[in-house]
Amino acid sequence: DSAEDVGNVFGELKQLESGTGCGKFNRLFYFAIPPSVFVPIGKSLKEAVIGNSHEDPNVGWSRLIVEKPFGRDSESFRDLSSAMSDLYTEDYSK
């Protein structure tokens, strides 16, 4: 779940994509993971894959889908929601 590991996997994906001849790639990340790793994995994806791609019109979109439940209770929901909101705007999550 480190940015380096995610970056290595993304490097392999980019190699495969480069052979397709397509210029834009839309990416959908489905978070069906334990709440304890939402923020670390979300941060690693942001650092290694997504970055500021939303600012470049030549790059496709990236979205996160979050599988419920999101947290264990109201307090953990607020904590996770706040931490993920620090990383991503609503444009990224569905």
N, C-alpha and C. Protein backbone atom coordinates (compact mmCIF):
# COMPACT_ATOMS: atom_id res chain seq x y z
N ASP A 1 0.81 -1.20 0.00
CA ASP A 1 0.00 0.00 0.00
C ASP A 1 0.86 1.27 0.00
N SER A 2 2.18 1.14 -0.15
CA SER A 2 3.03 2.33 -0.19
C SER A 2 2.94 3.00 -1.55
N ALA A 3 3.24 4.29 -1.59
CA ALA A 3 3.23 5.02 -2.87
C ALA A 3 4.22 4.39 -3.85
N GLU A 4 5.33 3.90 -3.35
CA GLU A 4 6.33 3.26 -4.21
C GLU A 4 5.77 1.99 -4.85
N ASP A 5 5.13 1.14 -4.03
CA ASP A 5 4.54 -0.10 -4.56
C ASP A 5 3.43 0.20 -5.57
N VAL A 6 2.57 1.14 -5.22
CA VAL A 6 1.48 1.52 -6.13
C VAL A 6 2.07 2.09 -7.41
N GLY A 7 3.13 2.90 -7.29
CA GLY A 7 3.80 3.46 -8.46
C GLY A 7 4.39 2.39 -9.36
N ASN A 8 4.95 1.33 -8.76
CA ASN A 8 5.50 0.23 -9.56
C ASN A 8 4.42 -0.49 -10.36
N VAL A 9 3.28 -0.75 -9.71
CA VAL A 9 2.17 -1.39 -10.41
C VAL A 9 1.64 -0.46 -11.51
N PHE A 10 1.54 0.82 -11.20
CA PHE A 10 1.05 1.78 -12.19
C PHE A 10 2.01 1.88 -13.38
N GLY A 11 3.31 1.75 -13.13
CA GLY A 11 4.29 1.76 -14.23
C GLY A 11 4.04 0.62 -15.20
N GLU A 12 3.71 -0.55 -14.65
CA GLU A 12 3.40 -1.70 -15.50
C GLU A 12 2.12 -1.45 -16.30
N LEU A 13 1.13 -0.86 -15.65
CA LEU A 13 -0.12 -0.54 -16.32
C LEU A 13 0.11 0.46 -17.46
N LYS A 14 0.93 1.46 -17.21
CA LYS A 14 1.21 2.46 -18.24
C LYS A 14 1.92 1.83 -19.45
N GLN A 15 2.77 0.85 -19.21
CA GLN A 15 3.41 0.15 -20.32
C GLN A 15 2.37 -0.56 -21.18
N LEU A 16 1.43 -1.23 -20.54
CA LEU A 16 0.37 -1.91 -21.28
C LEU A 16 -0.49 -0.90 -22.05
N GLU A 17 -0.82 0.21 -21.39
CA GLU A 17 -1.63 1.23 -22.03
C GLU A 17 -0.93 1.86 -23.23
N SER A 18 0.36 2.04 -23.14
CA SER A 18 1.09 2.70 -24.23
C SER A 18 1.02 1.89 -25.52
N GLY A 19 0.81 0.61 -25.42
CA GLY A 19 0.72 -0.24 -26.60
C GLY A 19 -0.66 -0.24 -27.25
N THR A 20 -1.63 0.45 -26.65
CA THR A 20 -2.98 0.42 -27.19
C THR A 20 -3.22 1.48 -28.26
N GLY A 21 -2.42 2.52 -28.27
CA GLY A 21 -2.63 3.61 -29.23
C GLY A 21 -3.65 4.64 -28.77
N CYS A 22 -4.25 4.44 -27.62
CA CYS A 22 -5.21 5.41 -27.08
C CYS A 22 -4.44 6.53 -26.38
N GLY A 23 -4.98 7.71 -26.43
CA GLY A 23 -4.31 8.84 -25.79
C GLY A 23 -4.77 9.10 -24.37
N LYS A 24 -6.03 8.82 -24.10
CA LYS A 24 -6.61 9.08 -22.78
C LYS A 24 -7.03 7.77 -22.13
N PHE A 25 -6.89 7.74 -20.82
CA PHE A 25 -7.31 6.55 -20.07
C PHE A 25 -8.10 6.98 -18.85
N ASN A 26 -9.31 6.49 -18.75
CA ASN A 26 -10.13 6.72 -17.57
C ASN A 26 -9.84 5.61 -16.58
N ARG A 27 -9.76 5.98 -15.30
CA ARG A 27 -9.42 4.99 -14.27
C ARG A 27 -10.45 5.02 -13.16
N LEU A 28 -10.90 3.83 -12.79
CA LEU A 28 -11.87 3.67 -11.73
C LEU A 28 -11.25 2.80 -10.64
N PHE A 29 -11.20 3.32 -9.44
CA PHE A 29 -10.63 2.59 -8.31
C PHE A 29 -11.77 2.23 -7.36
N TYR A 30 -11.95 0.94 -7.15
CA TYR A 30 -13.05 0.43 -6.34
C TYR A 30 -12.49 0.05 -4.97
N PHE A 31 -12.89 0.79 -3.96
CA PHE A 31 -12.40 0.56 -2.60
C PHE A 31 -13.32 -0.40 -1.85
N ALA A 32 -13.08 -1.69 -1.97
CA ALA A 32 -13.76 -2.71 -1.17
C ALA A 32 -12.69 -3.25 -0.22
N ILE A 33 -12.24 -2.36 0.65
CA ILE A 33 -11.11 -2.65 1.53
C ILE A 33 -11.49 -2.27 2.97
N PRO A 34 -10.77 -2.78 3.95
CA PRO A 34 -11.06 -2.43 5.35
C PRO A 34 -10.84 -0.93 5.59
N PRO A 35 -11.67 -0.33 6.44
CA PRO A 35 -11.53 1.09 6.74
C PRO A 35 -10.13 1.47 7.23
N SER A 36 -9.44 0.55 7.85
CA SER A 36 -8.11 0.86 8.39
C SER A 36 -7.09 1.18 7.31
N VAL A 37 -7.35 0.79 6.05
CA VAL A 37 -6.39 1.07 4.98
C VAL A 37 -6.91 2.06 3.94
N PHE A 38 -8.13 2.61 4.14
CA PHE A 38 -8.66 3.59 3.20
C PHE A 38 -7.69 4.75 2.99
N VAL A 39 -7.29 5.37 4.08
CA VAL A 39 -6.46 6.58 3.97
C VAL A 39 -5.06 6.26 3.44
N PRO A 40 -4.36 5.24 3.96
CA PRO A 40 -3.04 4.95 3.40
C PRO A 40 -3.08 4.62 1.90
N ILE A 41 -4.04 3.81 1.48
CA ILE A 41 -4.13 3.45 0.07
C ILE A 41 -4.59 4.65 -0.76
N GLY A 42 -5.55 5.41 -0.22
CA GLY A 42 -5.98 6.62 -0.92
C GLY A 42 -4.84 7.60 -1.12
N LYS A 43 -4.00 7.74 -0.10
CA LYS A 43 -2.84 8.63 -0.20
C LYS A 43 -1.83 8.11 -1.22
N SER A 44 -1.57 6.82 -1.20
CA SER A 44 -0.63 6.23 -2.15
C SER A 44 -1.11 6.38 -3.58
N LEU A 45 -2.41 6.17 -3.82
CA LEU A 45 -2.96 6.36 -5.16
C LEU A 45 -2.82 7.81 -5.61
N LYS A 46 -3.11 8.72 -4.71
CA LYS A 46 -3.02 10.15 -5.03
C LYS A 46 -1.58 10.51 -5.40
N GLU A 47 -0.62 10.04 -4.62
CA GLU A 47 0.78 10.38 -4.85
C GLU A 47 1.36 9.71 -6.09
N ALA A 48 1.05 8.44 -6.29
CA ALA A 48 1.72 7.66 -7.34
C ALA A 48 0.97 7.60 -8.66
N VAL A 49 -0.33 7.79 -8.64
CA VAL A 49 -1.12 7.57 -9.85
C VAL A 49 -1.89 8.82 -10.26
N ILE A 50 -2.71 9.31 -9.37
CA ILE A 50 -3.66 10.36 -9.75
C ILE A 50 -3.02 11.74 -9.76
N GLY A 51 -2.29 12.08 -8.71
CA GLY A 51 -1.63 13.38 -8.65
C GLY A 51 -2.56 14.51 -8.99
N ASN A 52 -2.13 15.38 -9.89
CA ASN A 52 -2.95 16.51 -10.33
C ASN A 52 -3.50 16.29 -11.73
N SER A 53 -3.80 15.04 -12.06
CA SER A 53 -4.25 14.70 -13.41
C SER A 53 -5.52 15.44 -13.80
N HIS A 54 -6.34 15.84 -12.80
CA HIS A 54 -7.58 16.55 -13.11
C HIS A 54 -7.31 17.92 -13.73
N GLU A 55 -6.09 18.42 -13.59
CA GLU A 55 -5.74 19.72 -14.15
C GLU A 55 -5.30 19.64 -15.61
N ASP A 56 -5.11 18.44 -16.12
CA ASP A 56 -4.64 18.24 -17.49
C ASP A 56 -5.79 17.71 -18.35
N PRO A 57 -6.29 18.51 -19.30
CA PRO A 57 -7.42 18.07 -20.12
C PRO A 57 -7.07 16.92 -21.07
N ASN A 58 -5.78 16.62 -21.24
CA ASN A 58 -5.37 15.53 -22.12
C ASN A 58 -5.32 14.17 -21.41
N VAL A 59 -5.63 14.18 -20.12
CA VAL A 59 -5.61 12.95 -19.32
C VAL A 59 -7.06 12.59 -19.02
N GLY A 60 -7.38 11.32 -19.05
CA GLY A 60 -8.73 10.88 -18.72
C GLY A 60 -9.03 11.09 -17.25
N TRP A 61 -10.24 10.75 -16.86
CA TRP A 61 -10.65 10.96 -15.47
C TRP A 61 -10.24 9.80 -14.56
N SER A 62 -10.22 10.09 -13.28
CA SER A 62 -10.00 9.08 -12.24
C SER A 62 -11.13 9.22 -11.23
N ARG A 63 -11.68 8.11 -10.80
CA ARG A 63 -12.76 8.11 -9.83
C ARG A 63 -12.52 7.03 -8.78
N LEU A 64 -13.05 7.30 -7.58
CA LEU A 64 -13.02 6.32 -6.50
C LEU A 64 -14.45 5.90 -6.20
N ILE A 65 -14.69 4.63 -6.12
CA ILE A 65 -15.96 4.12 -5.62
C ILE A 65 -15.67 3.48 -4.28
N VAL A 66 -16.42 3.89 -3.28
CA VAL A 66 -16.19 3.41 -1.92
C VAL A 66 -17.30 2.44 -1.53
N GLU A 67 -16.92 1.22 -1.24
CA GLU A 67 -17.85 0.18 -0.80
C GLU A 67 -18.25 0.47 0.64
N LYS A 68 -19.52 0.38 0.93
CA LYS A 68 -20.00 0.57 2.30
C LYS A 68 -19.85 -0.73 3.06
N PRO A 69 -19.70 -0.74 4.35
CA PRO A 69 -19.74 0.41 5.24
C PRO A 69 -18.44 1.19 5.22
N PHE A 70 -18.56 2.45 5.45
CA PHE A 70 -17.43 3.37 5.46
C PHE A 70 -17.20 3.75 6.92
N GLY A 71 -16.39 2.98 7.61
CA GLY A 71 -16.16 3.19 9.03
C GLY A 71 -16.96 2.19 9.86
N ARG A 72 -16.70 2.20 11.17
CA ARG A 72 -17.36 1.27 12.09
C ARG A 72 -18.56 1.90 12.77
N ASP A 73 -18.52 3.23 12.92
CA ASP A 73 -19.57 3.97 13.62
C ASP A 73 -19.54 5.41 13.11
N SER A 74 -20.37 6.26 13.69
CA SER A 74 -20.45 7.65 13.23
C SER A 74 -19.13 8.39 13.37
N GLU A 75 -18.44 8.14 14.47
CA GLU A 75 -17.17 8.82 14.71
C GLU A 75 -16.10 8.40 13.69
N SER A 76 -15.97 7.10 13.46
CA SER A 76 -14.97 6.63 12.49
C SER A 76 -15.36 7.05 11.07
N PHE A 77 -16.66 7.13 10.79
CA PHE A 77 -17.11 7.65 9.49
C PHE A 77 -16.63 9.08 9.30
N ARG A 78 -16.84 9.93 10.31
CA ARG A 78 -16.42 11.34 10.21
C ARG A 78 -14.91 11.44 10.04
N ASP A 79 -14.16 10.64 10.78
CA ASP A 79 -12.70 10.66 10.67
C ASP A 79 -12.24 10.26 9.26
N LEU A 80 -12.79 9.15 8.75
CA LEU A 80 -12.43 8.70 7.40
C LEU A 80 -12.86 9.71 6.34
N SER A 81 -14.05 10.23 6.49
CA SER A 81 -14.56 11.20 5.52
C SER A 81 -13.68 12.45 5.49
N SER A 82 -13.29 12.92 6.65
CA SER A 82 -12.42 14.10 6.73
C SER A 82 -11.06 13.83 6.10
N ALA A 83 -10.47 12.68 6.43
CA ALA A 83 -9.14 12.35 5.90
C ALA A 83 -9.17 12.17 4.38
N MET A 84 -10.21 11.51 3.87
CA MET A 84 -10.31 11.32 2.41
C MET A 84 -10.63 12.63 1.71
N SER A 85 -11.41 13.49 2.36
CA SER A 85 -11.73 14.80 1.77
C SER A 85 -10.49 15.68 1.67
N ASP A 86 -9.53 15.46 2.56
CA ASP A 86 -8.26 16.20 2.47
C ASP A 86 -7.47 15.77 1.24
N LEU A 87 -7.67 14.54 0.79
CA LEU A 87 -6.95 14.01 -0.37
C LEU A 87 -7.68 14.25 -1.69
N TYR A 88 -9.00 14.13 -1.68
CA TYR A 88 -9.78 14.15 -2.91
C TYR A 88 -10.98 15.07 -2.80
N THR A 89 -11.32 15.73 -3.89
CA THR A 89 -12.56 16.50 -3.95
C THR A 89 -13.70 15.55 -4.29
N GLU A 90 -14.92 16.03 -4.21
CA GLU A 90 -16.08 15.20 -4.52
C GLU A 90 -16.09 14.74 -5.97
N ASP A 91 -15.37 15.45 -6.84
CA ASP A 91 -15.29 15.06 -8.24
C ASP A 91 -14.68 13.67 -8.42
N TYR A 92 -13.90 13.23 -7.44
CA TYR A 92 -13.22 11.93 -7.54
C TYR A 92 -14.04 10.79 -6.98
N SER A 93 -14.98 11.07 -6.10
CA SER A 93 -15.65 9.97 -5.39
C SER A 93 -17.10 9.85 -5.81
N LYS A 94 -17.56 8.61 -5.79
CA LYS A 94 -18.95 8.30 -6.16
C LYS A 94 -19.51 7.34 -5.15
